[in-house]
């Protein structure tokens, strides 16, 4: 798909812009710039109640930043998550 942006049906335009597939390093934003754009987009989508994406890829420091948009899943999956993924559970738990 050279030169074209892949965008799934119903995906917000910002998602396509962040994942544009630009492979030229001289024209690509910095890694930290892409992360900042993605965080801003995720906050916007979560804050407006957008219907997608279904799964958000987040940086390890973002759970504390985004916690106001999430619900506590412990009542539903406490045993399953703590048994299967203890390190991930600790890393993505916000007190």
N, C-alpha and C. Protein backbone atom coordinates (compact mmCIF):
# COMPACT_ATOMS: atom_id res chain seq x y z
N UNK A 1 0.83 -1.20 0.00
CA UNK A 1 0.00 0.00 0.00
C UNK A 1 0.87 1.26 0.00
N UNK A 2 1.80 1.37 -0.86
CA UNK A 2 2.68 2.53 -0.81
C UNK A 2 1.92 3.79 -1.21
N UNK A 3 2.16 4.84 -0.42
CA UNK A 3 1.55 6.12 -0.71
C UNK A 3 0.11 6.28 -0.28
N UNK A 4 -0.50 5.22 0.24
CA UNK A 4 -1.90 5.31 0.65
C UNK A 4 -2.01 5.11 2.16
N UNK A 5 -3.01 5.70 2.72
CA UNK A 5 -3.28 5.56 4.14
C UNK A 5 -4.36 4.51 4.33
N UNK A 6 -4.07 3.53 5.19
CA UNK A 6 -5.07 2.52 5.51
C UNK A 6 -5.94 3.06 6.62
N UNK A 7 -7.23 2.91 6.46
CA UNK A 7 -8.16 3.38 7.48
C UNK A 7 -9.32 2.40 7.51
N UNK A 8 -9.53 1.83 8.69
CA UNK A 8 -10.64 0.89 8.78
C UNK A 8 -11.95 1.66 8.77
N UNK A 9 -12.99 0.98 8.33
CA UNK A 9 -14.30 1.61 8.25
C UNK A 9 -14.72 2.14 9.62
N UNK A 10 -15.07 3.38 9.69
CA UNK A 10 -15.55 3.97 10.93
C UNK A 10 -14.44 4.51 11.83
N UNK A 11 -13.19 4.31 11.46
CA UNK A 11 -12.10 4.81 12.29
C UNK A 11 -12.01 6.33 12.14
N UNK A 12 -11.81 7.05 13.24
CA UNK A 12 -11.67 8.50 13.16
C UNK A 12 -10.48 8.89 12.29
N UNK A 13 -10.56 10.02 11.66
CA UNK A 13 -9.51 10.48 10.75
C UNK A 13 -8.16 10.58 11.44
N UNK A 14 -8.13 10.95 12.69
CA UNK A 14 -6.87 11.09 13.42
C UNK A 14 -6.12 9.78 13.54
N UNK A 15 -6.84 8.68 13.63
CA UNK A 15 -6.19 7.37 13.70
C UNK A 15 -5.44 7.11 12.41
N UNK A 16 -6.05 7.39 11.29
CA UNK A 16 -5.40 7.20 10.00
C UNK A 16 -4.20 8.12 9.86
N UNK A 17 -4.30 9.33 10.35
CA UNK A 17 -3.20 10.28 10.25
C UNK A 17 -1.99 9.82 11.05
N UNK A 18 -2.21 9.26 12.21
CA UNK A 18 -1.10 8.81 13.05
C UNK A 18 -0.44 7.58 12.42
N UNK A 19 -1.22 6.71 11.82
CA UNK A 19 -0.71 5.48 11.23
C UNK A 19 -0.67 5.60 9.72
N UNK A 20 -0.10 6.68 9.21
CA UNK A 20 -0.17 6.96 7.78
C UNK A 20 0.78 6.11 6.94
N UNK A 21 1.69 5.40 7.57
CA UNK A 21 2.60 4.56 6.81
C UNK A 21 3.74 5.31 6.15
N UNK A 22 3.98 6.55 6.53
CA UNK A 22 5.08 7.34 5.98
C UNK A 22 6.39 6.71 6.43
N UNK A 23 7.20 6.24 5.51
CA UNK A 23 8.44 5.54 5.85
C UNK A 23 9.69 6.40 5.62
N UNK A 24 9.54 7.63 5.20
CA UNK A 24 10.68 8.50 4.96
C UNK A 24 11.06 9.17 6.27
N UNK A 25 12.23 8.80 6.87
CA UNK A 25 12.60 9.35 8.18
C UNK A 25 12.69 10.87 8.21
N UNK A 26 13.05 11.49 7.08
CA UNK A 26 13.18 12.95 7.08
C UNK A 26 11.81 13.63 7.15
N UNK A 27 10.74 12.91 6.82
CA UNK A 27 9.40 13.49 6.86
C UNK A 27 8.57 12.96 8.03
N UNK A 28 9.09 11.98 8.74
CA UNK A 28 8.34 11.37 9.84
C UNK A 28 8.47 12.20 11.10
N UNK A 29 7.38 12.29 11.87
CA UNK A 29 7.48 12.96 13.16
C UNK A 29 8.33 12.13 14.11
N UNK A 30 8.88 12.75 15.13
CA UNK A 30 9.68 12.02 16.10
C UNK A 30 8.80 11.00 16.82
N UNK A 31 9.45 10.00 17.41
CA UNK A 31 8.71 8.98 18.15
C UNK A 31 7.93 9.62 19.28
N UNK A 32 8.55 10.53 20.01
CA UNK A 32 7.83 11.18 21.10
C UNK A 32 6.70 12.05 20.58
N UNK A 33 6.87 12.63 19.40
CA UNK A 33 5.80 13.42 18.79
C UNK A 33 4.60 12.57 18.41
N UNK A 34 4.88 11.36 17.90
CA UNK A 34 3.80 10.43 17.55
C UNK A 34 3.09 9.99 18.81
N UNK A 35 3.83 9.71 19.86
CA UNK A 35 3.21 9.30 21.13
C UNK A 35 2.33 10.42 21.68
N UNK A 36 2.81 11.64 21.61
CA UNK A 36 2.01 12.77 22.10
C UNK A 36 0.75 12.93 21.28
N UNK A 37 0.85 12.77 19.96
CA UNK A 37 -0.33 12.85 19.09
C UNK A 37 -1.31 11.74 19.43
N UNK A 38 -0.80 10.54 19.66
CA UNK A 38 -1.66 9.41 19.96
C UNK A 38 -2.36 9.63 21.31
N UNK A 39 -1.63 10.09 22.31
CA UNK A 39 -2.23 10.36 23.62
C UNK A 39 -3.33 11.41 23.49
N UNK A 40 -3.07 12.46 22.76
CA UNK A 40 -4.07 13.51 22.54
C UNK A 40 -5.31 12.95 21.85
N UNK A 41 -5.08 12.12 20.83
CA UNK A 41 -6.19 11.51 20.11
C UNK A 41 -6.99 10.59 21.03
N UNK A 42 -6.31 9.75 21.80
CA UNK A 42 -7.02 8.83 22.70
C UNK A 42 -7.84 9.60 23.72
N UNK A 43 -7.28 10.68 24.27
CA UNK A 43 -8.04 11.49 25.23
C UNK A 43 -9.27 12.10 24.58
N UNK A 44 -9.12 12.57 23.35
CA UNK A 44 -10.25 13.16 22.63
C UNK A 44 -11.34 12.12 22.37
N UNK A 45 -10.92 10.95 21.87
CA UNK A 45 -11.89 9.89 21.57
C UNK A 45 -12.59 9.39 22.83
N UNK A 46 -11.83 9.15 23.87
CA UNK A 46 -12.42 8.68 25.12
C UNK A 46 -13.32 9.74 25.74
N UNK A 47 -12.89 11.00 25.67
CA UNK A 47 -13.66 12.09 26.26
C UNK A 47 -14.98 12.37 25.56
N UNK A 48 -15.03 12.07 24.26
CA UNK A 48 -16.26 12.32 23.51
C UNK A 48 -17.16 11.09 23.41
N UNK A 49 -16.68 9.96 23.93
CA UNK A 49 -17.48 8.75 23.89
C UNK A 49 -17.55 8.13 22.50
N UNK A 50 -16.50 8.31 21.70
CA UNK A 50 -16.47 7.75 20.34
C UNK A 50 -16.66 6.24 20.38
N UNK A 51 -17.22 5.68 19.33
CA UNK A 51 -17.49 4.25 19.29
C UNK A 51 -16.27 3.41 18.93
N UNK A 52 -15.18 3.99 18.65
CA UNK A 52 -13.99 3.21 18.30
C UNK A 52 -12.74 4.02 18.53
N UNK A 53 -11.62 3.41 18.52
CA UNK A 53 -11.37 2.00 18.30
C UNK A 53 -11.78 1.13 19.48
N UNK A 54 -11.85 -0.18 19.25
CA UNK A 54 -12.23 -1.10 20.31
C UNK A 54 -11.09 -1.35 21.29
N UNK A 55 -9.86 -1.28 20.81
CA UNK A 55 -8.68 -1.52 21.64
C UNK A 55 -7.75 -0.33 21.47
N UNK A 56 -7.25 0.18 22.57
CA UNK A 56 -6.33 1.31 22.55
C UNK A 56 -4.93 0.83 22.94
N UNK A 57 -3.97 1.12 22.10
CA UNK A 57 -2.58 0.86 22.45
C UNK A 57 -2.08 2.04 23.26
N UNK A 58 -1.60 1.78 24.47
CA UNK A 58 -1.18 2.88 25.34
C UNK A 58 0.24 2.66 25.83
N UNK A 59 0.91 3.75 26.14
CA UNK A 59 2.24 3.74 26.71
C UNK A 59 2.13 3.36 28.18
N UNK A 60 3.21 2.88 28.75
CA UNK A 60 3.18 2.40 30.13
C UNK A 60 2.87 3.49 31.15
N UNK A 61 3.07 4.75 30.82
CA UNK A 61 2.77 5.83 31.78
C UNK A 61 1.37 6.42 31.61
N UNK A 62 0.63 5.97 30.61
CA UNK A 62 -0.66 6.56 30.32
C UNK A 62 -1.82 6.12 31.20
N UNK A 63 -1.78 4.95 31.86
CA UNK A 63 -2.94 4.59 32.69
C UNK A 63 -3.32 5.68 33.70
N UNK A 64 -2.33 6.29 34.32
CA UNK A 64 -2.61 7.36 35.27
C UNK A 64 -3.18 8.60 34.61
N UNK A 65 -2.77 8.87 33.38
CA UNK A 65 -3.26 10.03 32.64
C UNK A 65 -4.69 9.79 32.13
N UNK A 66 -4.97 8.56 31.73
CA UNK A 66 -6.26 8.24 31.12
C UNK A 66 -7.27 7.62 32.09
N UNK A 67 -6.91 7.47 33.36
CA UNK A 67 -7.76 6.72 34.29
C UNK A 67 -9.17 7.27 34.45
N UNK A 68 -9.40 8.54 34.20
CA UNK A 68 -10.74 9.08 34.34
C UNK A 68 -11.72 8.53 33.29
N UNK A 69 -11.17 7.94 32.23
CA UNK A 69 -12.01 7.40 31.16
C UNK A 69 -12.26 5.90 31.28
N UNK A 70 -11.59 5.25 32.23
CA UNK A 70 -11.68 3.80 32.34
C UNK A 70 -12.58 3.40 33.51
N UNK A 71 -13.05 2.16 33.46
CA UNK A 71 -13.81 1.61 34.57
C UNK A 71 -12.99 0.54 35.26
N UNK A 72 -13.29 0.28 36.50
CA UNK A 72 -12.61 -0.74 37.28
C UNK A 72 -13.15 -2.11 36.87
N UNK A 73 -12.30 -2.96 36.33
CA UNK A 73 -12.72 -4.28 35.88
C UNK A 73 -12.55 -5.36 36.94
N UNK A 74 -12.00 -4.99 38.10
CA UNK A 74 -11.79 -5.99 39.16
C UNK A 74 -13.06 -6.74 39.53
N UNK A 75 -14.21 -6.08 39.65
CA UNK A 75 -15.41 -6.85 40.01
C UNK A 75 -15.78 -7.93 38.99
N UNK A 76 -15.31 -7.79 37.78
CA UNK A 76 -15.67 -8.71 36.72
C UNK A 76 -14.59 -9.76 36.42
N UNK A 77 -13.32 -9.37 36.55
CA UNK A 77 -12.23 -10.24 36.12
C UNK A 77 -11.07 -10.32 37.10
N UNK A 78 -11.26 -10.03 38.36
CA UNK A 78 -10.15 -9.97 39.32
C UNK A 78 -9.33 -11.25 39.34
N UNK A 79 -9.96 -12.39 39.47
CA UNK A 79 -9.21 -13.65 39.54
C UNK A 79 -8.51 -13.97 38.23
N UNK A 80 -9.19 -13.81 37.13
CA UNK A 80 -8.62 -14.17 35.84
C UNK A 80 -7.39 -13.33 35.51
N UNK A 81 -7.50 -12.05 35.69
CA UNK A 81 -6.38 -11.17 35.34
C UNK A 81 -5.20 -11.37 36.28
N UNK A 82 -5.45 -11.44 37.58
CA UNK A 82 -4.35 -11.58 38.52
C UNK A 82 -3.64 -12.93 38.38
N UNK A 83 -4.34 -13.98 37.99
CA UNK A 83 -3.72 -15.30 37.82
C UNK A 83 -2.95 -15.40 36.52
N UNK A 84 -3.46 -14.84 35.46
CA UNK A 84 -2.85 -15.00 34.15
C UNK A 84 -1.76 -13.98 33.84
N UNK A 85 -1.95 -12.76 34.27
CA UNK A 85 -1.03 -11.68 33.89
C UNK A 85 -0.66 -10.80 35.09
N UNK A 86 -0.02 -11.35 36.11
CA UNK A 86 0.25 -10.53 37.32
C UNK A 86 1.09 -9.28 37.06
N UNK A 87 2.11 -9.38 36.23
CA UNK A 87 2.96 -8.21 35.98
C UNK A 87 2.20 -7.14 35.20
N UNK A 88 1.43 -7.55 34.22
CA UNK A 88 0.64 -6.59 33.44
C UNK A 88 -0.42 -5.97 34.33
N UNK A 89 -1.04 -6.76 35.16
CA UNK A 89 -2.07 -6.26 36.07
C UNK A 89 -1.50 -5.19 36.98
N UNK A 90 -0.33 -5.42 37.54
CA UNK A 90 0.30 -4.41 38.41
C UNK A 90 0.63 -3.14 37.63
N UNK A 91 1.15 -3.29 36.41
CA UNK A 91 1.58 -2.15 35.62
C UNK A 91 0.44 -1.27 35.12
N UNK A 92 -0.73 -1.85 34.95
CA UNK A 92 -1.85 -1.11 34.40
C UNK A 92 -2.95 -0.86 35.42
N UNK A 93 -2.62 -0.99 36.70
CA UNK A 93 -3.58 -0.71 37.76
C UNK A 93 -3.33 0.69 38.30
N UNK A 94 -4.38 1.47 38.38
CA UNK A 94 -4.30 2.83 38.91
C UNK A 94 -5.08 2.85 40.22
N UNK A 95 -4.42 3.29 41.28
CA UNK A 95 -5.09 3.36 42.59
C UNK A 95 -5.96 4.58 42.70
